[in-house]
Amino acid sequence: MTKFFSHPSSIIEEEVQIGANTKIWHFCHILPHSIIGENCSFGQNCVIGPKVKVGNGVKVQNNVSLYEGVVCEDDVFIGPSVVFTNVLNPRSFINRHDEFKTTLLKKGCSLGANSTIVCGVSIGEYALVGAGSVVTKDIPPHALVVGNPARIIGWLDKGGVRLEFVNGIAKDSYDGSIYKQEDFC
């Protein structure tokens, strides 16, 4: 049996997989058929699922709901009160469960506090969505986006440091990778 921590005030439904060393804090609810990786952290008042997939090393801050259709790869950071949707045209009187859109959060991306992610988009590897931004379309890898709608204002390395290109080349502050300016939009 895998060892994870769950605060006594949290509810974990049956048919849920939770990896080792994951921490689930106060007043969380993990719904059926959700899969959570190892070394994750869920802050106070989070709802996960049903059928949500969360990779390893994911950090979800307070007051976040990951609805069906959200997929988080490894090492994703989701700031406090980030909002996700799963239907483009919701109506309370129409059941649209068969219309849920997939939202993909790729490895190492970060979503700032109070950002809104409209369903059906992909956030690229190591991209960063600024606090309060509204994402309505796909975000490329390493992009720094802000605003409503979110727009690219720069590029970041794996460590979250702005890429500074000299003669078309930049070096990653985290692992020394080399980037060519021509590879960015």
N, C-alpha and C. Protein backbone atom coordinates (compact mmCIF):
# COMPACT_ATOMS: atom_id res chain seq x y z
N MET A 1 0.84 -1.19 0.00
CA MET A 1 0.00 0.00 0.00
C MET A 1 0.88 1.25 0.00
N THR A 2 0.58 2.19 -0.88
CA THR A 2 1.37 3.41 -0.93
C THR A 2 1.05 4.29 0.28
N LYS A 3 2.07 5.01 0.73
CA LYS A 3 1.91 5.87 1.89
C LYS A 3 1.78 7.31 1.44
N PHE A 4 0.67 7.92 1.77
CA PHE A 4 0.44 9.33 1.50
C PHE A 4 -0.24 9.91 2.74
N PHE A 5 -0.24 11.24 2.83
CA PHE A 5 -0.88 11.91 3.96
C PHE A 5 -2.18 12.55 3.50
N SER A 6 -3.22 12.38 4.29
CA SER A 6 -4.49 13.04 4.05
C SER A 6 -5.00 13.58 5.38
N HIS A 7 -5.27 14.88 5.42
CA HIS A 7 -5.82 15.48 6.64
C HIS A 7 -7.18 14.85 6.94
N PRO A 8 -7.51 14.64 8.21
CA PRO A 8 -8.78 13.98 8.56
C PRO A 8 -10.03 14.69 8.03
N SER A 9 -9.94 15.97 7.72
CA SER A 9 -11.11 16.69 7.21
C SER A 9 -11.34 16.45 5.72
N SER A 10 -10.40 15.81 5.05
CA SER A 10 -10.53 15.57 3.62
C SER A 10 -11.28 14.27 3.34
N ILE A 11 -11.90 14.22 2.16
CA ILE A 11 -12.66 13.04 1.74
C ILE A 11 -11.98 12.45 0.51
N ILE A 12 -11.66 11.17 0.58
CA ILE A 12 -11.09 10.47 -0.56
C ILE A 12 -12.04 9.33 -0.91
N GLU A 13 -12.64 9.44 -2.09
CA GLU A 13 -13.61 8.43 -2.53
C GLU A 13 -12.90 7.12 -2.87
N GLU A 14 -13.71 6.07 -3.08
CA GLU A 14 -13.17 4.78 -3.51
C GLU A 14 -12.70 4.88 -4.96
N GLU A 15 -11.87 3.93 -5.37
CA GLU A 15 -11.35 3.84 -6.73
C GLU A 15 -10.54 5.07 -7.12
N VAL A 16 -9.68 5.49 -6.18
CA VAL A 16 -8.74 6.58 -6.39
C VAL A 16 -7.34 6.02 -6.19
N GLN A 17 -6.39 6.45 -7.02
CA GLN A 17 -4.99 6.06 -6.85
C GLN A 17 -4.20 7.29 -6.43
N ILE A 18 -3.44 7.16 -5.33
CA ILE A 18 -2.63 8.26 -4.82
C ILE A 18 -1.23 7.74 -4.57
N GLY A 19 -0.24 8.43 -5.15
CA GLY A 19 1.15 8.00 -5.05
C GLY A 19 1.78 8.31 -3.70
N ALA A 20 2.92 7.67 -3.47
CA ALA A 20 3.67 7.82 -2.22
C ALA A 20 4.10 9.27 -2.01
N ASN A 21 4.14 9.65 -0.75
CA ASN A 21 4.61 10.96 -0.30
C ASN A 21 3.75 12.13 -0.76
N THR A 22 2.56 11.88 -1.24
CA THR A 22 1.65 12.96 -1.59
C THR A 22 0.95 13.44 -0.33
N LYS A 23 0.71 14.75 -0.27
CA LYS A 23 0.05 15.36 0.89
C LYS A 23 -1.24 16.04 0.44
N ILE A 24 -2.33 15.69 1.13
CA ILE A 24 -3.64 16.26 0.85
C ILE A 24 -4.09 16.96 2.13
N TRP A 25 -4.20 18.28 2.08
CA TRP A 25 -4.45 19.07 3.29
C TRP A 25 -5.93 19.27 3.55
N HIS A 26 -6.28 20.20 4.40
CA HIS A 26 -7.63 20.40 4.94
C HIS A 26 -8.72 20.55 3.88
N PHE A 27 -9.84 19.92 4.14
CA PHE A 27 -11.09 20.12 3.40
C PHE A 27 -11.00 19.84 1.89
N CYS A 28 -10.18 18.89 1.51
CA CYS A 28 -10.10 18.49 0.09
C CYS A 28 -11.07 17.35 -0.18
N HIS A 29 -11.43 17.19 -1.45
CA HIS A 29 -12.30 16.10 -1.86
C HIS A 29 -11.72 15.51 -3.14
N ILE A 30 -11.35 14.23 -3.07
CA ILE A 30 -10.79 13.52 -4.22
C ILE A 30 -11.88 12.56 -4.71
N LEU A 31 -12.36 12.79 -5.94
CA LEU A 31 -13.48 12.04 -6.47
C LEU A 31 -13.03 10.76 -7.19
N PRO A 32 -13.98 9.83 -7.43
CA PRO A 32 -13.63 8.52 -7.98
C PRO A 32 -12.89 8.58 -9.32
N HIS A 33 -12.07 7.55 -9.51
CA HIS A 33 -11.33 7.30 -10.75
C HIS A 33 -10.27 8.35 -11.04
N SER A 34 -9.90 9.13 -10.04
CA SER A 34 -8.81 10.08 -10.21
C SER A 34 -7.50 9.37 -9.89
N ILE A 35 -6.44 9.80 -10.58
CA ILE A 35 -5.11 9.23 -10.40
C ILE A 35 -4.17 10.37 -10.06
N ILE A 36 -3.52 10.26 -8.90
CA ILE A 36 -2.59 11.29 -8.43
C ILE A 36 -1.23 10.64 -8.23
N GLY A 37 -0.20 11.26 -8.76
CA GLY A 37 1.15 10.72 -8.70
C GLY A 37 1.81 10.87 -7.34
N GLU A 38 3.11 10.60 -7.34
CA GLU A 38 3.93 10.69 -6.12
C GLU A 38 4.38 12.12 -5.87
N ASN A 39 4.66 12.42 -4.59
CA ASN A 39 5.27 13.69 -4.18
C ASN A 39 4.46 14.91 -4.60
N CYS A 40 3.15 14.79 -4.57
CA CYS A 40 2.28 15.92 -4.89
C CYS A 40 1.83 16.60 -3.60
N SER A 41 1.32 17.81 -3.74
CA SER A 41 0.78 18.55 -2.59
C SER A 41 -0.48 19.27 -3.01
N PHE A 42 -1.54 19.09 -2.24
CA PHE A 42 -2.82 19.76 -2.49
C PHE A 42 -3.15 20.60 -1.27
N GLY A 43 -3.23 21.91 -1.47
CA GLY A 43 -3.54 22.83 -0.37
C GLY A 43 -4.98 22.70 0.08
N GLN A 44 -5.34 23.54 0.99
CA GLN A 44 -6.67 23.53 1.59
C GLN A 44 -7.76 23.77 0.55
N ASN A 45 -8.87 23.04 0.68
CA ASN A 45 -10.08 23.29 -0.08
C ASN A 45 -9.93 23.02 -1.59
N CYS A 46 -9.33 21.89 -1.94
CA CYS A 46 -9.20 21.50 -3.35
C CYS A 46 -10.19 20.38 -3.66
N VAL A 47 -10.69 20.38 -4.90
CA VAL A 47 -11.54 19.30 -5.40
C VAL A 47 -10.84 18.72 -6.62
N ILE A 48 -10.68 17.40 -6.64
CA ILE A 48 -9.99 16.73 -7.73
C ILE A 48 -10.91 15.67 -8.31
N GLY A 49 -11.25 15.82 -9.59
CA GLY A 49 -11.99 14.76 -10.26
C GLY A 49 -13.46 15.06 -10.43
N PRO A 50 -14.15 14.03 -10.91
CA PRO A 50 -13.69 12.66 -11.11
C PRO A 50 -12.83 12.53 -12.37
N LYS A 51 -12.13 11.41 -12.46
CA LYS A 51 -11.36 11.00 -13.64
C LYS A 51 -10.26 11.98 -14.02
N VAL A 52 -9.67 12.64 -13.06
CA VAL A 52 -8.57 13.58 -13.33
C VAL A 52 -7.25 12.85 -13.16
N LYS A 53 -6.29 13.16 -14.03
CA LYS A 53 -4.95 12.56 -13.95
C LYS A 53 -3.95 13.65 -13.56
N VAL A 54 -3.20 13.38 -12.50
CA VAL A 54 -2.19 14.31 -12.00
C VAL A 54 -0.87 13.55 -11.92
N GLY A 55 0.17 14.11 -12.54
CA GLY A 55 1.48 13.47 -12.56
C GLY A 55 2.21 13.56 -11.24
N ASN A 56 3.50 13.29 -11.25
CA ASN A 56 4.35 13.35 -10.07
C ASN A 56 4.85 14.77 -9.82
N GLY A 57 5.03 15.10 -8.55
CA GLY A 57 5.63 16.38 -8.19
C GLY A 57 4.76 17.60 -8.47
N VAL A 58 3.46 17.41 -8.58
CA VAL A 58 2.54 18.51 -8.87
C VAL A 58 2.17 19.21 -7.56
N LYS A 59 2.15 20.55 -7.59
CA LYS A 59 1.76 21.35 -6.43
C LYS A 59 0.52 22.15 -6.79
N VAL A 60 -0.56 21.90 -6.04
CA VAL A 60 -1.83 22.58 -6.23
C VAL A 60 -2.10 23.38 -4.96
N GLN A 61 -2.18 24.69 -5.08
CA GLN A 61 -2.38 25.56 -3.93
C GLN A 61 -3.85 25.60 -3.53
N ASN A 62 -4.19 26.38 -2.51
CA ASN A 62 -5.53 26.43 -1.93
C ASN A 62 -6.60 26.83 -2.95
N ASN A 63 -7.81 26.30 -2.75
CA ASN A 63 -9.02 26.71 -3.46
C ASN A 63 -8.98 26.44 -4.96
N VAL A 64 -8.52 25.28 -5.35
CA VAL A 64 -8.47 24.91 -6.77
C VAL A 64 -9.34 23.66 -6.99
N SER A 65 -10.12 23.68 -8.07
CA SER A 65 -10.89 22.52 -8.49
C SER A 65 -10.38 22.05 -9.84
N LEU A 66 -9.88 20.82 -9.89
CA LEU A 66 -9.44 20.20 -11.15
C LEU A 66 -10.58 19.29 -11.60
N TYR A 67 -11.34 19.75 -12.58
CA TYR A 67 -12.50 19.02 -13.06
C TYR A 67 -12.13 17.95 -14.08
N GLU A 68 -13.07 17.05 -14.32
CA GLU A 68 -12.88 16.05 -15.37
C GLU A 68 -12.50 16.74 -16.67
N GLY A 69 -11.46 16.21 -17.31
CA GLY A 69 -10.94 16.80 -18.53
C GLY A 69 -9.60 17.46 -18.33
N VAL A 70 -9.23 17.77 -17.08
CA VAL A 70 -7.93 18.37 -16.80
C VAL A 70 -6.90 17.25 -16.64
N VAL A 71 -5.78 17.39 -17.35
CA VAL A 71 -4.67 16.44 -17.25
C VAL A 71 -3.41 17.23 -16.89
N CYS A 72 -2.76 16.86 -15.79
CA CYS A 72 -1.53 17.52 -15.34
C CYS A 72 -0.37 16.56 -15.51
N GLU A 73 0.62 16.95 -16.30
CA GLU A 73 1.84 16.16 -16.38
C GLU A 73 2.69 16.44 -15.13
N ASP A 74 3.91 15.92 -15.09
CA ASP A 74 4.78 16.06 -13.92
C ASP A 74 5.21 17.49 -13.68
N ASP A 75 5.44 17.81 -12.39
CA ASP A 75 6.07 19.05 -11.94
C ASP A 75 5.29 20.31 -12.30
N VAL A 76 3.99 20.22 -12.41
CA VAL A 76 3.13 21.38 -12.68
C VAL A 76 2.86 22.11 -11.37
N PHE A 77 2.84 23.46 -11.44
CA PHE A 77 2.48 24.29 -10.29
C PHE A 77 1.18 25.01 -10.62
N ILE A 78 0.19 24.89 -9.73
CA ILE A 78 -1.10 25.56 -9.90
C ILE A 78 -1.30 26.45 -8.68
N GLY A 79 -1.27 27.76 -8.91
CA GLY A 79 -1.36 28.74 -7.83
C GLY A 79 -2.73 28.80 -7.18
N PRO A 80 -2.83 29.56 -6.09
CA PRO A 80 -4.09 29.65 -5.35
C PRO A 80 -5.23 30.18 -6.22
N SER A 81 -6.38 29.57 -6.07
CA SER A 81 -7.63 30.01 -6.68
C SER A 81 -7.61 30.05 -8.20
N VAL A 82 -6.77 29.23 -8.84
CA VAL A 82 -6.82 29.09 -10.30
C VAL A 82 -8.16 28.44 -10.65
N VAL A 83 -8.76 28.90 -11.75
CA VAL A 83 -10.07 28.41 -12.18
C VAL A 83 -9.94 27.66 -13.50
N PHE A 84 -10.53 26.48 -13.56
CA PHE A 84 -10.60 25.67 -14.78
C PHE A 84 -12.05 25.54 -15.20
N THR A 85 -12.29 25.44 -16.51
CA THR A 85 -13.62 25.12 -17.00
C THR A 85 -13.52 23.79 -17.75
N ASN A 86 -14.65 23.16 -18.04
CA ASN A 86 -14.59 21.94 -18.84
C ASN A 86 -15.64 21.88 -19.95
N VAL A 87 -16.46 22.92 -20.05
CA VAL A 87 -17.46 23.02 -21.11
C VAL A 87 -17.41 24.45 -21.65
N LEU A 88 -17.48 24.60 -22.97
CA LEU A 88 -17.38 25.93 -23.58
C LEU A 88 -18.66 26.76 -23.46
N ASN A 89 -19.82 26.10 -23.45
CA ASN A 89 -21.09 26.83 -23.41
C ASN A 89 -22.04 26.23 -22.36
N PRO A 90 -21.70 26.35 -21.08
CA PRO A 90 -22.49 25.70 -20.04
C PRO A 90 -23.89 26.30 -19.88
N ARG A 91 -24.83 25.43 -19.59
CA ARG A 91 -26.19 25.81 -19.20
C ARG A 91 -26.59 24.88 -18.06
N SER A 92 -27.16 25.43 -17.02
CA SER A 92 -27.52 24.60 -15.87
C SER A 92 -28.61 23.58 -16.22
N PHE A 93 -29.41 23.86 -17.20
CA PHE A 93 -30.53 22.98 -17.55
C PHE A 93 -30.20 22.00 -18.67
N ILE A 94 -28.93 22.00 -19.17
CA ILE A 94 -28.52 21.06 -20.21
C ILE A 94 -27.32 20.27 -19.72
N ASN A 95 -27.43 18.93 -19.74
CA ASN A 95 -26.32 18.07 -19.35
C ASN A 95 -25.35 17.97 -20.53
N ARG A 96 -24.13 18.47 -20.33
CA ARG A 96 -23.13 18.46 -21.40
C ARG A 96 -21.90 17.63 -21.01
N HIS A 97 -22.09 16.62 -20.18
CA HIS A 97 -20.96 15.78 -19.75
C HIS A 97 -20.24 15.13 -20.93
N ASP A 98 -20.96 14.87 -22.00
CA ASP A 98 -20.32 14.26 -23.17
C ASP A 98 -19.57 15.29 -24.03
N GLU A 99 -19.59 16.55 -23.61
CA GLU A 99 -18.90 17.61 -24.36
C GLU A 99 -17.68 18.16 -23.60
N PHE A 100 -17.29 17.52 -22.50
CA PHE A 100 -16.13 18.01 -21.75
C PHE A 100 -14.91 18.09 -22.66
N LYS A 101 -14.17 19.17 -22.56
CA LYS A 101 -12.95 19.37 -23.34
C LYS A 101 -11.74 19.04 -22.47
N THR A 102 -10.69 18.54 -23.10
CA THR A 102 -9.46 18.23 -22.39
C THR A 102 -8.60 19.48 -22.27
N THR A 103 -8.10 19.73 -21.09
CA THR A 103 -7.14 20.79 -20.84
C THR A 103 -5.86 20.11 -20.39
N LEU A 104 -4.76 20.35 -21.13
CA LEU A 104 -3.50 19.67 -20.86
C LEU A 104 -2.48 20.66 -20.30
N LEU A 105 -1.99 20.35 -19.10
CA LEU A 105 -0.95 21.13 -18.46
C LEU A 105 0.34 20.32 -18.59
N LYS A 106 1.24 20.77 -19.45
CA LYS A 106 2.45 20.00 -19.75
C LYS A 106 3.53 20.19 -18.69
N LYS A 107 4.48 19.29 -18.70
CA LYS A 107 5.53 19.19 -17.70
C LYS A 107 6.12 20.55 -17.35
N GLY A 108 6.16 20.83 -16.04
CA GLY A 108 6.86 21.99 -15.53
C GLY A 108 6.19 23.33 -15.71
N CYS A 109 4.98 23.37 -16.26
CA CYS A 109 4.33 24.67 -16.43
C CYS A 109 3.82 25.18 -15.08
N SER A 110 3.61 26.50 -15.01
CA SER A 110 3.14 27.14 -13.77
C SER A 110 1.98 28.07 -14.10
N LEU A 111 0.95 28.02 -13.25
CA LEU A 111 -0.22 28.87 -13.41
C LEU A 111 -0.31 29.79 -12.20
N GLY A 112 -0.25 31.10 -12.44
CA GLY A 112 -0.28 32.07 -11.36
C GLY A 112 -1.63 32.17 -10.68
N ALA A 113 -1.63 32.71 -9.47
CA ALA A 113 -2.83 32.86 -8.66
C ALA A 113 -3.95 33.54 -9.44
N ASN A 114 -5.15 33.03 -9.25
CA ASN A 114 -6.37 33.61 -9.82
C ASN A 114 -6.40 33.63 -11.34
N SER A 115 -5.56 32.85 -12.00
CA SER A 115 -5.67 32.77 -13.46
C SER A 115 -6.86 31.88 -13.80
N THR A 116 -7.39 32.07 -15.00
CA THR A 116 -8.52 31.29 -15.50
C THR A 116 -8.08 30.58 -16.76
N ILE A 117 -8.33 29.27 -16.82
CA ILE A 117 -7.93 28.45 -17.96
C ILE A 117 -9.21 27.93 -18.61
N VAL A 118 -9.53 28.46 -19.79
CA VAL A 118 -10.72 28.01 -20.52
C VAL A 118 -10.42 26.63 -21.10
N CYS A 119 -11.38 25.75 -21.03
CA CYS A 119 -11.16 24.35 -21.42
C CYS A 119 -10.74 24.20 -22.87
N GLY A 120 -10.06 23.09 -23.13
CA GLY A 120 -9.66 22.74 -24.48
C GLY A 120 -8.32 23.27 -24.90
N VAL A 121 -7.57 23.87 -23.97
CA VAL A 121 -6.25 24.42 -24.32
C VAL A 121 -5.14 23.54 -23.77
N SER A 122 -3.95 23.79 -24.28
CA SER A 122 -2.75 23.13 -23.81
C SER A 122 -1.77 24.21 -23.36
N ILE A 123 -1.20 24.04 -22.17
CA ILE A 123 -0.17 24.94 -21.66
C ILE A 123 1.15 24.21 -21.82
N GLY A 124 2.07 24.78 -22.60
CA GLY A 124 3.31 24.11 -22.96
C GLY A 124 4.28 23.91 -21.81
N GLU A 125 5.27 23.04 -22.05
CA GLU A 125 6.28 22.74 -21.06
C GLU A 125 6.95 24.03 -20.57
N TYR A 126 7.07 24.16 -19.26
CA TYR A 126 7.78 25.25 -18.60
C TYR A 126 7.22 26.64 -18.89
N ALA A 127 6.03 26.71 -19.46
CA ALA A 127 5.37 28.00 -19.65
C ALA A 127 4.92 28.53 -18.30
N LEU A 128 4.70 29.85 -18.22
CA LEU A 128 4.21 30.46 -16.99
C LEU A 128 3.08 31.42 -17.34
N VAL A 129 1.93 31.19 -16.70
CA VAL A 129 0.76 32.05 -16.86
C VAL A 129 0.75 33.00 -15.68
N GLY A 130 0.81 34.30 -15.96
CA GLY A 130 0.84 35.31 -14.90
C GLY A 130 -0.44 35.35 -14.10
N ALA A 131 -0.33 35.81 -12.85
CA ALA A 131 -1.48 35.91 -11.95
C ALA A 131 -2.60 36.71 -12.60
N GLY A 132 -3.82 36.20 -12.48
CA GLY A 132 -5.00 36.89 -12.97
C GLY A 132 -5.23 36.81 -14.47
N SER A 133 -4.38 36.12 -15.19
CA SER A 133 -4.51 36.02 -16.65
C SER A 133 -5.65 35.09 -17.05
N VAL A 134 -6.17 35.28 -18.25
CA VAL A 134 -7.23 34.43 -18.78
C VAL A 134 -6.70 33.76 -20.05
N VAL A 135 -6.54 32.44 -19.99
CA VAL A 135 -6.00 31.68 -21.11
C VAL A 135 -7.15 31.15 -21.96
N THR A 136 -7.17 31.57 -23.24
CA THR A 136 -8.24 31.17 -24.16
C THR A 136 -7.73 30.37 -25.35
N LYS A 137 -6.39 30.22 -25.46
CA LYS A 137 -5.82 29.45 -26.57
C LYS A 137 -4.53 28.79 -26.08
N ASP A 138 -4.01 27.86 -26.88
CA ASP A 138 -2.80 27.13 -26.51
C ASP A 138 -1.64 28.09 -26.23
N ILE A 139 -0.82 27.71 -25.26
CA ILE A 139 0.37 28.48 -24.88
C ILE A 139 1.58 27.63 -25.24
N PRO A 140 2.53 28.16 -26.01
CA PRO A 140 3.70 27.36 -26.41
C PRO A 140 4.67 27.13 -25.25
N PRO A 141 5.56 26.14 -25.39
CA PRO A 141 6.55 25.87 -24.35
C PRO A 141 7.39 27.11 -24.03
N HIS A 142 7.70 27.27 -22.75
CA HIS A 142 8.58 28.33 -22.23
C HIS A 142 8.01 29.74 -22.32
N ALA A 143 6.77 29.90 -22.78
CA ALA A 143 6.19 31.24 -22.92
C ALA A 143 5.81 31.82 -21.57
N LEU A 144 6.00 33.12 -21.43
CA LEU A 144 5.51 33.90 -20.29
C LEU A 144 4.32 34.67 -20.82
N VAL A 145 3.12 34.41 -20.29
CA VAL A 145 1.92 35.06 -20.77
C VAL A 145 1.22 35.81 -19.64
N VAL A 146 0.61 36.95 -20.00
CA VAL A 146 -0.15 37.74 -19.02
C VAL A 146 -1.35 38.35 -19.73
N GLY A 147 -2.33 38.78 -18.94
CA GLY A 147 -3.44 39.57 -19.45
C GLY A 147 -4.69 38.79 -19.76
N ASN A 148 -5.69 39.54 -20.28
CA ASN A 148 -6.98 38.99 -20.65
C ASN A 148 -7.35 39.54 -22.02
N PRO A 149 -7.25 38.70 -23.06
CA PRO A 149 -6.75 37.32 -23.04
C PRO A 149 -5.23 37.29 -22.88
N ALA A 150 -4.73 36.17 -22.38
CA ALA A 150 -3.29 36.02 -22.15
C ALA A 150 -2.52 36.17 -23.47
N ARG A 151 -1.41 36.91 -23.41
CA ARG A 151 -0.56 37.11 -24.58
C ARG A 151 0.89 36.94 -24.16
N ILE A 152 1.72 36.53 -25.09
CA ILE A 152 3.14 36.27 -24.81
C ILE A 152 3.87 37.60 -24.65
N ILE A 153 4.62 37.71 -23.51
CA ILE A 153 5.45 38.90 -23.30
C ILE A 153 6.92 38.54 -23.15
N GLY A 154 7.24 37.26 -23.18
CA GLY A 154 8.64 36.84 -23.06
C GLY A 154 8.73 35.32 -23.01
N TRP A 155 9.96 34.87 -22.72
CA TRP A 155 10.26 33.43 -22.70
C TRP A 155 11.05 33.12 -21.45
N LEU A 156 10.79 31.95 -20.86
CA LEU A 156 11.43 31.54 -19.61
C LEU A 156 12.19 30.23 -19.78
N ASP A 157 13.23 30.05 -18.98
CA ASP A 157 13.92 28.77 -18.98
C ASP A 157 13.23 27.82 -17.99
N LYS A 158 13.79 26.65 -17.80
CA LYS A 158 13.18 25.66 -16.91
C LYS A 158 13.08 26.15 -15.47
N GLY A 159 14.04 27.00 -15.06
CA GLY A 159 14.04 27.54 -13.71
C GLY A 159 13.13 28.73 -13.51
N GLY A 160 12.44 29.17 -14.56
CA GLY A 160 11.52 30.29 -14.46
C GLY A 160 12.19 31.65 -14.62
N VAL A 161 13.42 31.65 -15.14
CA VAL A 161 14.17 32.88 -15.36
C VAL A 161 13.99 33.29 -16.82
N ARG A 162 13.80 34.60 -17.06
CA ARG A 162 13.64 35.09 -18.43
C ARG A 162 14.84 34.73 -19.29
N LEU A 163 14.58 34.24 -20.47
CA LEU A 163 15.64 33.94 -21.42
C LEU A 163 16.13 35.24 -22.06
N GLU A 164 17.42 35.46 -21.99
CA GLU A 164 18.06 36.61 -22.62
C GLU A 164 18.94 36.08 -23.75
N PHE A 165 18.56 36.37 -24.96
CA PHE A 165 19.27 35.86 -26.12
C PHE A 165 20.40 36.82 -26.50
N VAL A 166 21.60 36.27 -26.61
CA VAL A 166 22.76 37.02 -27.08
C VAL A 166 23.24 36.32 -28.35
N ASN A 167 23.24 37.07 -29.44
CA ASN A 167 23.57 36.49 -30.75
C ASN A 167 22.69 35.28 -31.06
N GLY A 168 21.42 35.35 -30.63
CA GLY A 168 20.46 34.29 -30.94
C GLY A 168 20.55 33.06 -30.06
N ILE A 169 21.36 33.12 -28.98
CA ILE A 169 21.55 31.96 -28.10
C ILE A 169 21.28 32.38 -26.65
N ALA A 170 20.64 31.48 -25.88
CA ALA A 170 20.44 31.69 -24.44
C ALA A 170 20.74 30.39 -23.72
N LYS A 171 21.20 30.52 -22.48
CA LYS A 171 21.55 29.35 -21.66
C LYS A 171 20.56 29.24 -20.50
N ASP A 172 20.11 28.01 -20.23
CA ASP A 172 19.16 27.75 -19.15
C ASP A 172 19.85 27.86 -17.79
N SER A 173 19.28 28.66 -16.90
CA SER A 173 19.86 28.85 -15.56
C SER A 173 19.73 27.61 -14.69
N TYR A 174 18.81 26.72 -15.04
CA TYR A 174 18.55 25.54 -14.22
C TYR A 174 19.48 24.38 -14.56
N ASP A 175 19.60 24.07 -15.86
CA ASP A 175 20.38 22.87 -16.22
C ASP A 175 21.40 23.10 -17.33
N GLY A 176 21.58 24.37 -17.75
CA GLY A 176 22.59 24.67 -18.74
C GLY A 176 22.20 24.39 -20.18
N SER A 177 20.97 23.97 -20.42
CA SER A 177 20.51 23.73 -21.79
C SER A 177 20.72 24.99 -22.63
N ILE A 178 20.95 24.79 -23.90
CA ILE A 178 21.13 25.91 -24.82
C ILE A 178 19.88 26.04 -25.68
N TYR A 179 19.40 27.29 -25.83
CA TYR A 179 18.22 27.59 -26.64
C TYR A 179 18.63 28.50 -27.79
N LYS A 180 17.99 28.27 -28.95
CA LYS A 180 18.19 29.13 -30.11
C LYS A 180 16.94 30.00 -30.26
N GLN A 181 17.16 31.29 -30.43
CA GLN A 181 16.04 32.23 -30.54
C GLN A 181 15.09 31.85 -31.67
N GLU A 182 15.61 31.30 -32.73
CA GLU A 182 14.79 30.92 -33.89
C GLU A 182 13.78 29.83 -33.56
N ASP A 183 13.99 29.11 -32.43
CA ASP A 183 13.08 28.03 -32.05
C ASP A 183 11.84 28.53 -31.32
N PHE A 184 11.79 29.83 -31.03
CA PHE A 184 10.66 30.40 -30.31
C PHE A 184 9.81 31.22 -31.27
N CYS A 185 8.51 31.20 -31.02
CA CYS A 185 7.56 31.91 -31.92
C CYS A 185 7.86 33.39 -32.01
